[in-house]
Amino acid sequence: MAAGIKDVVVVLGQGGSEILDSMKDLPVQIVFNENPESEMAESVRIGLRTFSDYSSGVLVHLSDHPLVLAGTLRSIVQCYLETPDKIIVPLYKGKRGHPSLFPKPVIEEIFDEYTLRDIVTKDPNRIRLVDVQDEGVIIDIDTREDYEKILKKIETR
């Protein structure tokens, strides 16, 4: 929202109701992926079903990458506006990161049982990498240990 993105859908998984209260005053649509065994692609499919038809692109922002700066999101969106037929992938010091912005016709390939990785690797010519100065695009938090490392990093800033 700080990046100016208006149409935000949050897909919550198992245990998502525990954080639902923290989002109750935010201007977001909340949907649930009730299948704890499903892959991330299913959460993307569920989220896409709630988007309006006027969306030309979809920014897929993973919850385990919480440190991405609003300015980085704005850069990704600006890059998309310049090349709306490309998948926009942030690049930090030569390493690909998240989130990625997909043209709507491209992201809808996920309904053909593709994963996001399949979609991104299917045709390298439809990728545009955008250099960012935001380490948050490559920092993901998957474990309690990752979380504690991130807290220490934030404290030193």
C-alpha atoms as a PDB file:
ATOM      1  CA  MET A   1       0.000   0.000   0.000  1.00  0.00           C
ATOM      2  CA  ALA A   2       2.919   2.329   0.732  1.00  0.00           C
ATOM      3  CA  ALA A   3       3.990   1.759  -2.874  1.00  0.00           C
ATOM      4  CA  GLY A   4       0.637   2.990  -4.187  1.00  0.00           C
ATOM      5  CA  ILE A   5      -0.716  -0.418  -5.138  1.00  0.00           C
ATOM      6  CA  LYS A   6      -4.476  -0.239  -4.653  1.00  0.00           C
ATOM      7  CA  ASP A   7      -5.838  -3.689  -5.451  1.00  0.00           C
ATOM      8  CA  VAL A   8      -4.257  -5.947  -2.800  1.00  0.00           C
ATOM      9  CA  VAL A   9      -5.306  -9.545  -2.195  1.00  0.00           C
ATOM     10  CA  VAL A  10      -3.881 -11.448   0.761  1.00  0.00           C
ATOM     11  CA  VAL A  11      -4.058 -15.237   0.580  1.00  0.00           C
ATOM     12  CA  LEU A  12      -3.880 -16.824   4.002  1.00  0.00           C
ATOM     13  CA  GLY A  13      -3.137 -20.456   4.577  1.00  0.00           C
ATOM     14  CA  GLN A  14      -3.503 -22.775   7.494  1.00  0.00           C
ATOM     15  CA  GLY A  15      -3.280 -20.766  10.688  1.00  0.00           C
ATOM     16  CA  GLY A  16      -4.070 -17.579   8.793  1.00  0.00           C
ATOM     17  CA  SER A  17      -6.988 -16.769  11.039  1.00  0.00           C
ATOM     18  CA  GLU A  18      -4.413 -16.086  13.772  1.00  0.00           C
ATOM     19  CA  ILE A  19      -3.202 -13.005  11.887  1.00  0.00           C
ATOM     20  CA  LEU A  20      -6.553 -11.962  10.452  1.00  0.00           C
ATOM     21  CA  ASP A  21      -7.154  -9.391  13.207  1.00  0.00           C
ATOM     22  CA  SER A  22      -3.904  -7.610  12.363  1.00  0.00           C
ATOM     23  CA  MET A  23      -5.259  -6.895   8.858  1.00  0.00           C
ATOM     24  CA  LYS A  24      -8.857  -6.017   9.690  1.00  0.00           C
ATOM     25  CA  ASP A  25      -8.382  -2.267   9.147  1.00  0.00           C
ATOM     26  CA  LEU A  26      -6.295  -2.578   5.983  1.00  0.00           C
ATOM     27  CA  PRO A  27      -7.847  -1.993   2.547  1.00  0.00           C
ATOM     28  CA  VAL A  28      -7.154  -5.529   1.338  1.00  0.00           C
ATOM     29  CA  GLN A  29      -9.208  -8.456   0.171  1.00  0.00           C
ATOM     30  CA  ILE A  30      -8.532 -11.561   2.228  1.00  0.00           C
ATOM     31  CA  VAL A  31      -9.055 -15.062   0.908  1.00  0.00           C
ATOM     32  CA  PHE A  32      -8.046 -18.443   2.267  1.00  0.00           C
ATOM     33  CA  ASN A  33      -6.233 -21.426   0.842  1.00  0.00           C
ATOM     34  CA  GLU A  34      -7.864 -24.162   2.888  1.00  0.00           C
ATOM     35  CA  ASN A  35      -5.553 -26.896   1.583  1.00  0.00           C
ATOM     36  CA  PRO A  36      -2.418 -27.056   3.769  1.00  0.00           C
ATOM     37  CA  GLU A  37      -0.863 -29.618   1.395  1.00  0.00           C
ATOM     38  CA  SER A  38      -1.120 -27.426  -1.693  1.00  0.00           C
ATOM     39  CA  GLU A  39       1.784 -25.661  -3.322  1.00  0.00           C
ATOM     40  CA  MET A  40       2.188 -21.909  -3.556  1.00  0.00           C
ATOM     41  CA  ALA A  41       0.734 -22.019  -7.076  1.00  0.00           C
ATOM     42  CA  GLU A  42      -2.646 -22.885  -5.602  1.00  0.00           C
ATOM     43  CA  SER A  43      -2.542 -19.804  -3.376  1.00  0.00           C
ATOM     44  CA  VAL A  44      -1.768 -17.710  -6.458  1.00  0.00           C
ATOM     45  CA  ARG A  45      -4.722 -19.274  -8.293  1.00  0.00           C
ATOM     46  CA  ILE A  46      -7.020 -18.497  -5.367  1.00  0.00           C
ATOM     47  CA  GLY A  47      -5.778 -14.912  -5.241  1.00  0.00           C
ATOM     48  CA  LEU A  48      -6.151 -14.434  -8.994  1.00  0.00           C
ATOM     49  CA  ARG A  49      -9.793 -15.499  -8.882  1.00  0.00           C
ATOM     50  CA  THR A  50     -10.545 -12.445  -6.738  1.00  0.00           C
ATOM     51  CA  PHE A  51      -8.919  -9.844  -9.012  1.00  0.00           C
ATOM     52  CA  SER A  52     -11.018  -7.553 -11.107  1.00  0.00           C
ATOM     53  CA  ASP A  53     -10.841  -7.743 -14.870  1.00  0.00           C
ATOM     54  CA  TYR A  54      -9.239  -4.307 -15.172  1.00  0.00           C
ATOM     55  CA  SER A  55      -5.925  -5.424 -13.652  1.00  0.00           C
ATOM     56  CA  SER A  56      -3.303  -5.598 -16.397  1.00  0.00           C
ATOM     57  CA  GLY A  57      -0.581  -7.058 -14.203  1.00  0.00           C
ATOM     58  CA  VAL A  58      -0.176  -8.952 -10.962  1.00  0.00           C
ATOM     59  CA  LEU A  59       2.594  -8.429  -8.423  1.00  0.00           C
ATOM     60  CA  VAL A  60       3.168 -11.676  -6.539  1.00  0.00           C
ATOM     61  CA  HIS A  61       4.718 -10.794  -3.195  1.00  0.00           C
ATOM     62  CA  LEU A  62       5.634 -13.735  -0.992  1.00  0.00           C
ATOM     63  CA  SER A  63       4.981 -13.379   2.722  1.00  0.00           C
ATOM     64  CA  ASP A  64       8.408 -14.770   3.572  1.00  0.00           C
ATOM     65  CA  HIS A  65      10.040 -11.681   1.980  1.00  0.00           C
ATOM     66  CA  PRO A  66       8.759  -9.005   4.374  1.00  0.00           C
ATOM     67  CA  LEU A  67      11.691  -6.602   4.108  1.00  0.00           C
ATOM     68  CA  VAL A  68      11.113  -5.418   0.533  1.00  0.00           C
ATOM     69  CA  LEU A  69      10.965  -1.626   0.522  1.00  0.00           C
ATOM     70  CA  ALA A  70       8.048   0.361  -0.891  1.00  0.00           C
ATOM     71  CA  GLY A  71      10.464   2.159  -3.216  1.00  0.00           C
ATOM     72  CA  THR A  72      11.513  -1.179  -4.675  1.00  0.00           C
ATOM     73  CA  LEU A  73       7.887  -2.065  -5.366  1.00  0.00           C
ATOM     74  CA  ARG A  74       7.432   1.296  -7.095  1.00  0.00           C
ATOM     75  CA  SER A  75      10.533   0.572  -9.236  1.00  0.00           C
ATOM     76  CA  ILE A  76       9.141  -2.821 -10.227  1.00  0.00           C
ATOM     77  CA  VAL A  77       5.789  -1.262 -11.143  1.00  0.00           C
ATOM     78  CA  GLN A  78       7.494   1.529 -13.128  1.00  0.00           C
ATOM     79  CA  CYS A  79       9.536  -1.049 -15.036  1.00  0.00           C
ATOM     80  CA  TYR A  80       6.317  -2.941 -15.814  1.00  0.00           C
ATOM     81  CA  LEU A  81       4.655   0.242 -17.093  1.00  0.00           C
ATOM     82  CA  GLU A  82       7.592   0.691 -19.491  1.00  0.00           C
ATOM     83  CA  THR A  83       7.489  -2.971 -20.652  1.00  0.00           C
ATOM     84  CA  PRO A  84       3.989  -4.332 -19.920  1.00  0.00           C
ATOM     85  CA  ASP A  85       4.581  -7.531 -21.871  1.00  0.00           C
ATOM     86  CA  LYS A  86       7.480  -8.643 -19.650  1.00  0.00           C
ATOM     87  CA  ILE A  87       7.711 -10.444 -16.320  1.00  0.00           C
ATOM     88  CA  ILE A  88       9.565  -8.054 -14.050  1.00  0.00           C
ATOM     89  CA  VAL A  89      12.044  -9.706 -11.676  1.00  0.00           C
ATOM     90  CA  PRO A  90      14.160  -7.706  -9.211  1.00  0.00           C
ATOM     91  CA  LEU A  91      17.904  -8.277  -9.181  1.00  0.00           C
ATOM     92  CA  TYR A  92      20.065  -7.492  -6.167  1.00  0.00           C
ATOM     93  CA  LYS A  93      23.837  -7.717  -6.712  1.00  0.00           C
ATOM     94  CA  GLY A  94      23.330 -10.223  -9.509  1.00  0.00           C
ATOM     95  CA  LYS A  95      20.868 -12.411  -7.614  1.00  0.00           C
ATOM     96  CA  ARG A  96      17.227 -12.741  -8.650  1.00  0.00           C
ATOM     97  CA  GLY A  97      14.698 -11.996  -5.959  1.00  0.00           C
ATOM     98  CA  HIS A  98      11.047 -11.411  -5.134  1.00  0.00           C
ATOM     99  CA  PRO A  99       8.451 -10.075  -5.710  1.00  0.00           C
ATOM    100  CA  SER A 100       7.858 -10.451  -9.422  1.00  0.00           C
ATOM    101  CA  LEU A 101       5.293  -8.631 -11.521  1.00  0.00           C
ATOM    102  CA  PHE A 102       3.520 -10.624 -14.215  1.00  0.00           C
ATOM    103  CA  PRO A 103       1.413  -9.421 -17.129  1.00  0.00           C
ATOM    104  CA  LYS A 104      -2.067 -10.764 -16.434  1.00  0.00           C
ATOM    105  CA  PRO A 105      -2.179 -13.033 -19.526  1.00  0.00           C
ATOM    106  CA  VAL A 106       1.139 -14.560 -18.452  1.00  0.00           C
ATOM    107  CA  ILE A 107       0.224 -15.152 -14.789  1.00  0.00           C
ATOM    108  CA  GLU A 108      -3.013 -16.798 -15.911  1.00  0.00           C
ATOM    109  CA  GLU A 109      -0.874 -19.628 -17.298  1.00  0.00           C
ATOM    110  CA  ILE A 110      -0.893 -20.826 -13.691  1.00  0.00           C
ATOM    111  CA  PHE A 111      -4.418 -22.142 -14.370  1.00  0.00           C
ATOM    112  CA  ASP A 112      -2.844 -24.573 -16.858  1.00  0.00           C
ATOM    113  CA  GLU A 113      -1.201 -26.318 -13.888  1.00  0.00           C
ATOM    114  CA  TYR A 114       2.074 -24.442 -14.192  1.00  0.00           C
ATOM    115  CA  THR A 115       3.940 -23.202 -11.139  1.00  0.00           C
ATOM    116  CA  LEU A 116       5.370 -19.697 -10.912  1.00  0.00           C
ATOM    117  CA  ARG A 117       8.818 -21.141 -11.522  1.00  0.00           C
ATOM    118  CA  ASP A 118       7.536 -22.881 -14.669  1.00  0.00           C
ATOM    119  CA  ILE A 119       6.071 -19.619 -15.917  1.00  0.00           C
ATOM    120  CA  VAL A 120       9.242 -17.642 -15.236  1.00  0.00           C
ATOM    121  CA  THR A 121      11.577 -20.203 -16.818  1.00  0.00           C
ATOM    122  CA  LYS A 122       9.333 -21.067 -19.771  1.00  0.00           C
ATOM    123  CA  ASP A 123      10.686 -18.288 -21.992  1.00  0.00           C
ATOM    124  CA  PRO A 124      13.685 -16.208 -20.886  1.00  0.00           C
ATOM    125  CA  ASN A 125      12.848 -13.597 -23.555  1.00  0.00           C
ATOM    126  CA  ARG A 126       9.782 -12.494 -21.644  1.00  0.00           C
ATOM    127  CA  ILE A 127      11.774 -11.659 -18.497  1.00  0.00           C
ATOM    128  CA  ARG A 128      13.056  -8.199 -17.670  1.00  0.00           C
ATOM    129  CA  LEU A 129      15.435  -7.947 -14.762  1.00  0.00           C
ATOM    130  CA  VAL A 130      15.464  -4.693 -12.831  1.00  0.00           C
ATOM    131  CA  ASP A 131      18.478  -3.824 -10.688  1.00  0.00           C
ATOM    132  CA  VAL A 132      17.498  -2.765  -7.180  1.00  0.00           C
ATOM    133  CA  GLN A 133      19.499  -1.638  -4.180  1.00  0.00           C
ATOM    134  CA  ASP A 134      17.216  -3.507  -1.769  1.00  0.00           C
ATOM    135  CA  GLU A 135      18.584  -6.617  -0.103  1.00  0.00           C
ATOM    136  CA  GLY A 136      15.026  -7.370   1.038  1.00  0.00           C
ATOM    137  CA  VAL A 137      14.263  -8.924  -2.351  1.00  0.00           C
ATOM    138  CA  ILE A 138      16.613 -11.831  -1.600  1.00  0.00           C
ATOM    139  CA  ILE A 139      16.018 -12.225   2.130  1.00  0.00           C
ATOM    140  CA  ASP A 140      13.403 -14.797   2.933  1.00  0.00           C
ATOM    141  CA  ILE A 141      12.282 -15.962   6.329  1.00  0.00           C
ATOM    142  CA  ASP A 142      11.512 -19.665   6.446  1.00  0.00           C
ATOM    143  CA  THR A 143      12.576 -20.630   9.966  1.00  0.00           C
ATOM    144  CA  ARG A 144      12.671 -19.198  13.457  1.00  0.00           C
ATOM    145  CA  GLU A 145      16.449 -18.906  13.016  1.00  0.00           C
ATOM    146  CA  ASP A 146      15.966 -16.830   9.836  1.00  0.00           C
ATOM    147  CA  TYR A 147      13.547 -14.594  11.730  1.00  0.00           C
ATOM    148  CA  GLU A 148      16.007 -14.032  14.573  1.00  0.00           C
ATOM    149  CA  LYS A 149      18.803 -13.208  12.089  1.00  0.00           C
ATOM    150  CA  ILE A 150      16.554 -10.639  10.455  1.00  0.00           C
ATOM    151  CA  LEU A 151      15.685  -9.070  13.800  1.00  0.00           C
ATOM    152  CA  LYS A 152      19.395  -8.680  14.552  1.00  0.00           C
ATOM    153  CA  LYS A 153      19.986  -7.157  11.115  1.00  0.00           C
ATOM    154  CA  ILE A 154      17.164  -4.657  11.646  1.00  0.00           C
ATOM    155  CA  GLU A 155      18.470  -3.719  15.085  1.00  0.00           C
ATOM    156  CA  THR A 156      21.888  -2.823  13.640  1.00  0.00           C
ATOM    157  CA  ARG A 157      20.402  -0.482  11.001  1.00  0.00           C
END
